[in-house]
Amino acid sequence: MEELSLGVPRPLLERLPEDGGDAATDMQRAVEHWERRLNHTLEDADDDREAAGSVLEAVDHFEARFETYDDLVPELRAWGQSPIYAIAWRNLYADLIAQLYDHEELTEHLDRERNARLVEDGIRFGDA
């Protein structure tokens, strides 16, 4: 499988407040970490299914983080606080998922692995 390339979208960084330099740096570091981690996982995988499974776990993590930040936005607004950073992180996680699915070779394997997991979960729930 080809090497993954991830990044923080420039428009997202441009929407951060002037004092958001630390958040921008944190986002870039987080994305670099995930890019290294996922590429290392792809290199170490024995086959495409194992690689897709590992990437799908990252996608699941990104989806969970997206939901966490999405839930935080109205809560911050209710407390009279700016949700700009929660929105930025939420959007970053959504964009990372989109970036992973933009890798055509990976998309097919991710869809297949997600479907396999749904079937496995359905069988387990049906046997209970």
C-alpha atoms as a PDB file:
ATOM      1  CA  MET A   1       0.000   0.000   0.000  1.00  0.00           C
ATOM      2  CA  GLU A   2       1.247   3.477  -0.796  1.00  0.00           C
ATOM      3  CA  GLU A   3       2.539   5.860   1.853  1.00  0.00           C
ATOM      4  CA  LEU A   4      -0.063   8.170   3.382  1.00  0.00           C
ATOM      5  CA  SER A   5       0.247  11.918   3.332  1.00  0.00           C
ATOM      6  CA  LEU A   6      -1.793  13.913   5.839  1.00  0.00           C
ATOM      7  CA  GLY A   7      -1.839  17.601   6.634  1.00  0.00           C
ATOM      8  CA  VAL A   8      -3.654  20.380   8.420  1.00  0.00           C
ATOM      9  CA  PRO A   9      -5.751  22.308   5.889  1.00  0.00           C
ATOM     10  CA  ARG A  10      -4.533  25.877   5.474  1.00  0.00           C
ATOM     11  CA  PRO A  11      -8.076  27.351   5.673  1.00  0.00           C
ATOM     12  CA  LEU A  12      -8.508  25.721   9.068  1.00  0.00           C
ATOM     13  CA  LEU A  13      -5.288  27.317  10.339  1.00  0.00           C
ATOM     14  CA  GLU A  14      -6.254  30.682   8.874  1.00  0.00           C
ATOM     15  CA  ARG A  15      -9.545  30.683  10.806  1.00  0.00           C
ATOM     16  CA  LEU A  16      -7.790  30.363  14.158  1.00  0.00           C
ATOM     17  CA  PRO A  17      -7.613  33.550  16.230  1.00  0.00           C
ATOM     18  CA  GLU A  18      -4.383  35.572  16.171  1.00  0.00           C
ATOM     19  CA  ASP A  19      -3.416  34.077  19.533  1.00  0.00           C
ATOM     20  CA  GLY A  20      -4.002  30.566  18.126  1.00  0.00           C
ATOM     21  CA  GLY A  21      -0.359  29.862  17.320  1.00  0.00           C
ATOM     22  CA  ASP A  22      -0.130  27.165  19.978  1.00  0.00           C
ATOM     23  CA  ALA A  23      -3.255  25.454  18.658  1.00  0.00           C
ATOM     24  CA  ALA A  24      -1.884  25.517  15.117  1.00  0.00           C
ATOM     25  CA  THR A  25       1.395  24.004  16.287  1.00  0.00           C
ATOM     26  CA  ASP A  26      -0.448  21.368  18.325  1.00  0.00           C
ATOM     27  CA  MET A  27      -2.580  20.449  15.322  1.00  0.00           C
ATOM     28  CA  GLN A  28       0.426  20.160  13.037  1.00  0.00           C
ATOM     29  CA  ARG A  29       2.264  18.001  15.557  1.00  0.00           C
ATOM     30  CA  ALA A  30      -0.761  15.765  16.047  1.00  0.00           C
ATOM     31  CA  VAL A  31      -1.165  15.277  12.292  1.00  0.00           C
ATOM     32  CA  GLU A  32       2.549  14.562  11.840  1.00  0.00           C
ATOM     33  CA  HIS A  33       2.338  12.005  14.649  1.00  0.00           C
ATOM     34  CA  TRP A  34      -0.645  10.262  13.075  1.00  0.00           C
ATOM     35  CA  GLU A  35       0.961  10.309   9.636  1.00  0.00           C
ATOM     36  CA  ARG A  36       4.138   8.681  10.976  1.00  0.00           C
ATOM     37  CA  ARG A  37       2.170   6.179  13.033  1.00  0.00           C
ATOM     38  CA  LEU A  38      -0.095   5.149  10.167  1.00  0.00           C
ATOM     39  CA  ASN A  39       2.753   4.875   7.672  1.00  0.00           C
ATOM     40  CA  HIS A  40       4.707   2.767  10.132  1.00  0.00           C
ATOM     41  CA  THR A  41       1.643   0.551  10.562  1.00  0.00           C
ATOM     42  CA  LEU A  42       1.287   0.175   6.791  1.00  0.00           C
ATOM     43  CA  GLU A  43       4.950  -0.801   6.483  1.00  0.00           C
ATOM     44  CA  ASP A  44       4.682  -3.423   9.230  1.00  0.00           C
ATOM     45  CA  ALA A  45       1.404  -4.942   8.048  1.00  0.00           C
ATOM     46  CA  ASP A  46       1.596  -8.441   6.630  1.00  0.00           C
ATOM     47  CA  ASP A  47      -1.212  -7.836   4.154  1.00  0.00           C
ATOM     48  CA  ASP A  48      -3.649  -5.176   2.947  1.00  0.00           C
ATOM     49  CA  ARG A  49      -6.440  -6.347   5.246  1.00  0.00           C
ATOM     50  CA  GLU A  50      -4.247  -5.972   8.334  1.00  0.00           C
ATOM     51  CA  ALA A  51      -3.150  -2.532   7.135  1.00  0.00           C
ATOM     52  CA  ALA A  52      -6.733  -1.467   6.468  1.00  0.00           C
ATOM     53  CA  GLY A  53      -7.781  -2.720   9.903  1.00  0.00           C
ATOM     54  CA  SER A  54      -5.155  -0.574  11.579  1.00  0.00           C
ATOM     55  CA  VAL A  55      -6.092   2.487   9.545  1.00  0.00           C
ATOM     56  CA  LEU A  56      -9.769   1.840  10.265  1.00  0.00           C
ATOM     57  CA  GLU A  57      -8.986   1.883  13.981  1.00  0.00           C
ATOM     58  CA  ALA A  58      -7.487   5.352  13.454  1.00  0.00           C
ATOM     59  CA  VAL A  59     -10.609   6.398  11.529  1.00  0.00           C
ATOM     60  CA  ASP A  60     -12.762   5.164  14.414  1.00  0.00           C
ATOM     61  CA  HIS A  61     -10.582   7.162  16.816  1.00  0.00           C
ATOM     62  CA  PHE A  62     -10.916  10.272  14.639  1.00  0.00           C
ATOM     63  CA  GLU A  63     -14.699   9.815  14.499  1.00  0.00           C
ATOM     64  CA  ALA A  64     -14.878   9.532  18.290  1.00  0.00           C
ATOM     65  CA  ARG A  65     -12.745  12.668  18.718  1.00  0.00           C
ATOM     66  CA  PHE A  66     -14.939  14.464  16.167  1.00  0.00           C
ATOM     67  CA  GLU A  67     -18.040  13.600  18.175  1.00  0.00           C
ATOM     68  CA  THR A  68     -16.392  14.699  21.434  1.00  0.00           C
ATOM     69  CA  TYR A  69     -15.502  18.116  20.052  1.00  0.00           C
ATOM     70  CA  ASP A  70     -18.859  18.418  18.305  1.00  0.00           C
ATOM     71  CA  ASP A  71     -20.627  17.810  21.625  1.00  0.00           C
ATOM     72  CA  LEU A  72     -18.371  20.372  23.277  1.00  0.00           C
ATOM     73  CA  VAL A  73     -19.330  23.237  20.928  1.00  0.00           C
ATOM     74  CA  PRO A  74     -22.870  23.880  22.270  1.00  0.00           C
ATOM     75  CA  GLU A  75     -21.673  23.332  25.814  1.00  0.00           C
ATOM     76  CA  LEU A  76     -19.020  26.025  25.445  1.00  0.00           C
ATOM     77  CA  ARG A  77     -21.561  28.376  23.874  1.00  0.00           C
ATOM     78  CA  ALA A  78     -23.966  27.732  26.746  1.00  0.00           C
ATOM     79  CA  TRP A  79     -21.257  28.782  29.183  1.00  0.00           C
ATOM     80  CA  GLY A  80     -20.559  31.937  27.173  1.00  0.00           C
ATOM     81  CA  GLN A  81     -17.171  30.713  25.977  1.00  0.00           C
ATOM     82  CA  SER A  82     -15.832  30.732  22.445  1.00  0.00           C
ATOM     83  CA  PRO A  83     -15.996  27.317  20.792  1.00  0.00           C
ATOM     84  CA  ILE A  84     -13.487  28.296  18.077  1.00  0.00           C
ATOM     85  CA  TYR A  85     -10.842  25.804  19.174  1.00  0.00           C
ATOM     86  CA  ALA A  86     -13.339  22.970  19.625  1.00  0.00           C
ATOM     87  CA  ILE A  87     -14.690  23.714  16.152  1.00  0.00           C
ATOM     88  CA  ALA A  88     -11.171  23.760  14.715  1.00  0.00           C
ATOM     89  CA  TRP A  89     -10.275  20.397  16.254  1.00  0.00           C
ATOM     90  CA  ARG A  90     -13.629  18.921  15.226  1.00  0.00           C
ATOM     91  CA  ASN A  91     -13.058  20.057  11.656  1.00  0.00           C
ATOM     92  CA  LEU A  92      -9.493  18.766  11.698  1.00  0.00           C
ATOM     93  CA  TYR A  93     -10.629  15.267  12.635  1.00  0.00           C
ATOM     94  CA  ALA A  94     -13.313  15.321   9.929  1.00  0.00           C
ATOM     95  CA  ASP A  95     -10.715  16.438   7.412  1.00  0.00           C
ATOM     96  CA  LEU A  96      -8.269  13.716   8.464  1.00  0.00           C
ATOM     97  CA  ILE A  97     -10.941  11.095   7.820  1.00  0.00           C
ATOM     98  CA  ALA A  98     -11.583  12.624   4.389  1.00  0.00           C
ATOM     99  CA  GLN A  99      -7.852  12.675   3.655  1.00  0.00           C
ATOM    100  CA  LEU A 100      -7.572   8.979   4.462  1.00  0.00           C
ATOM    101  CA  TYR A 101     -10.491   8.173   2.177  1.00  0.00           C
ATOM    102  CA  ASP A 102      -8.908  10.302  -0.572  1.00  0.00           C
ATOM    103  CA  HIS A 103      -6.201   7.644  -0.931  1.00  0.00           C
ATOM    104  CA  GLU A 104      -7.910   5.543  -3.593  1.00  0.00           C
ATOM    105  CA  GLU A 105      -5.957   2.375  -2.922  1.00  0.00           C
ATOM    106  CA  LEU A 106      -6.821   2.575   0.765  1.00  0.00           C
ATOM    107  CA  THR A 107     -10.506   3.478   0.331  1.00  0.00           C
ATOM    108  CA  GLU A 108     -11.452   0.118  -1.153  1.00  0.00           C
ATOM    109  CA  HIS A 109      -9.728  -1.755   1.671  1.00  0.00           C
ATOM    110  CA  LEU A 110     -11.261   0.493   4.350  1.00  0.00           C
ATOM    111  CA  ASP A 111     -14.772  -0.040   2.996  1.00  0.00           C
ATOM    112  CA  ARG A 112     -14.237  -3.789   2.796  1.00  0.00           C
ATOM    113  CA  GLU A 113     -12.831  -3.937   6.351  1.00  0.00           C
ATOM    114  CA  ARG A 114     -15.655  -1.782   7.760  1.00  0.00           C
ATOM    115  CA  ASN A 115     -18.233  -4.033   6.099  1.00  0.00           C
ATOM    116  CA  ALA A 116     -16.495  -7.143   7.426  1.00  0.00           C
ATOM    117  CA  ARG A 117     -16.595  -5.711  10.942  1.00  0.00           C
ATOM    118  CA  LEU A 118     -20.292  -4.904  10.610  1.00  0.00           C
ATOM    119  CA  VAL A 119     -21.004  -8.477   9.570  1.00  0.00           C
ATOM    120  CA  GLU A 120     -18.882  -9.863  12.432  1.00  0.00           C
ATOM    121  CA  ASP A 121     -20.677  -7.640  14.938  1.00  0.00           C
ATOM    122  CA  GLY A 122     -24.053  -8.656  13.531  1.00  0.00           C
ATOM    123  CA  ILE A 123     -23.195 -12.327  13.843  1.00  0.00           C
ATOM    124  CA  ARG A 124     -21.969 -11.862  17.399  1.00  0.00           C
ATOM    125  CA  PHE A 125     -25.108  -9.971  18.375  1.00  0.00           C
ATOM    126  CA  GLY A 126     -27.293 -12.570  16.677  1.00  0.00           C
ATOM    127  CA  ASP A 127     -25.618 -15.398  18.612  1.00  0.00           C
ATOM    128  CA  ALA A 128     -26.110 -13.745  22.004  1.00  0.00           C
END
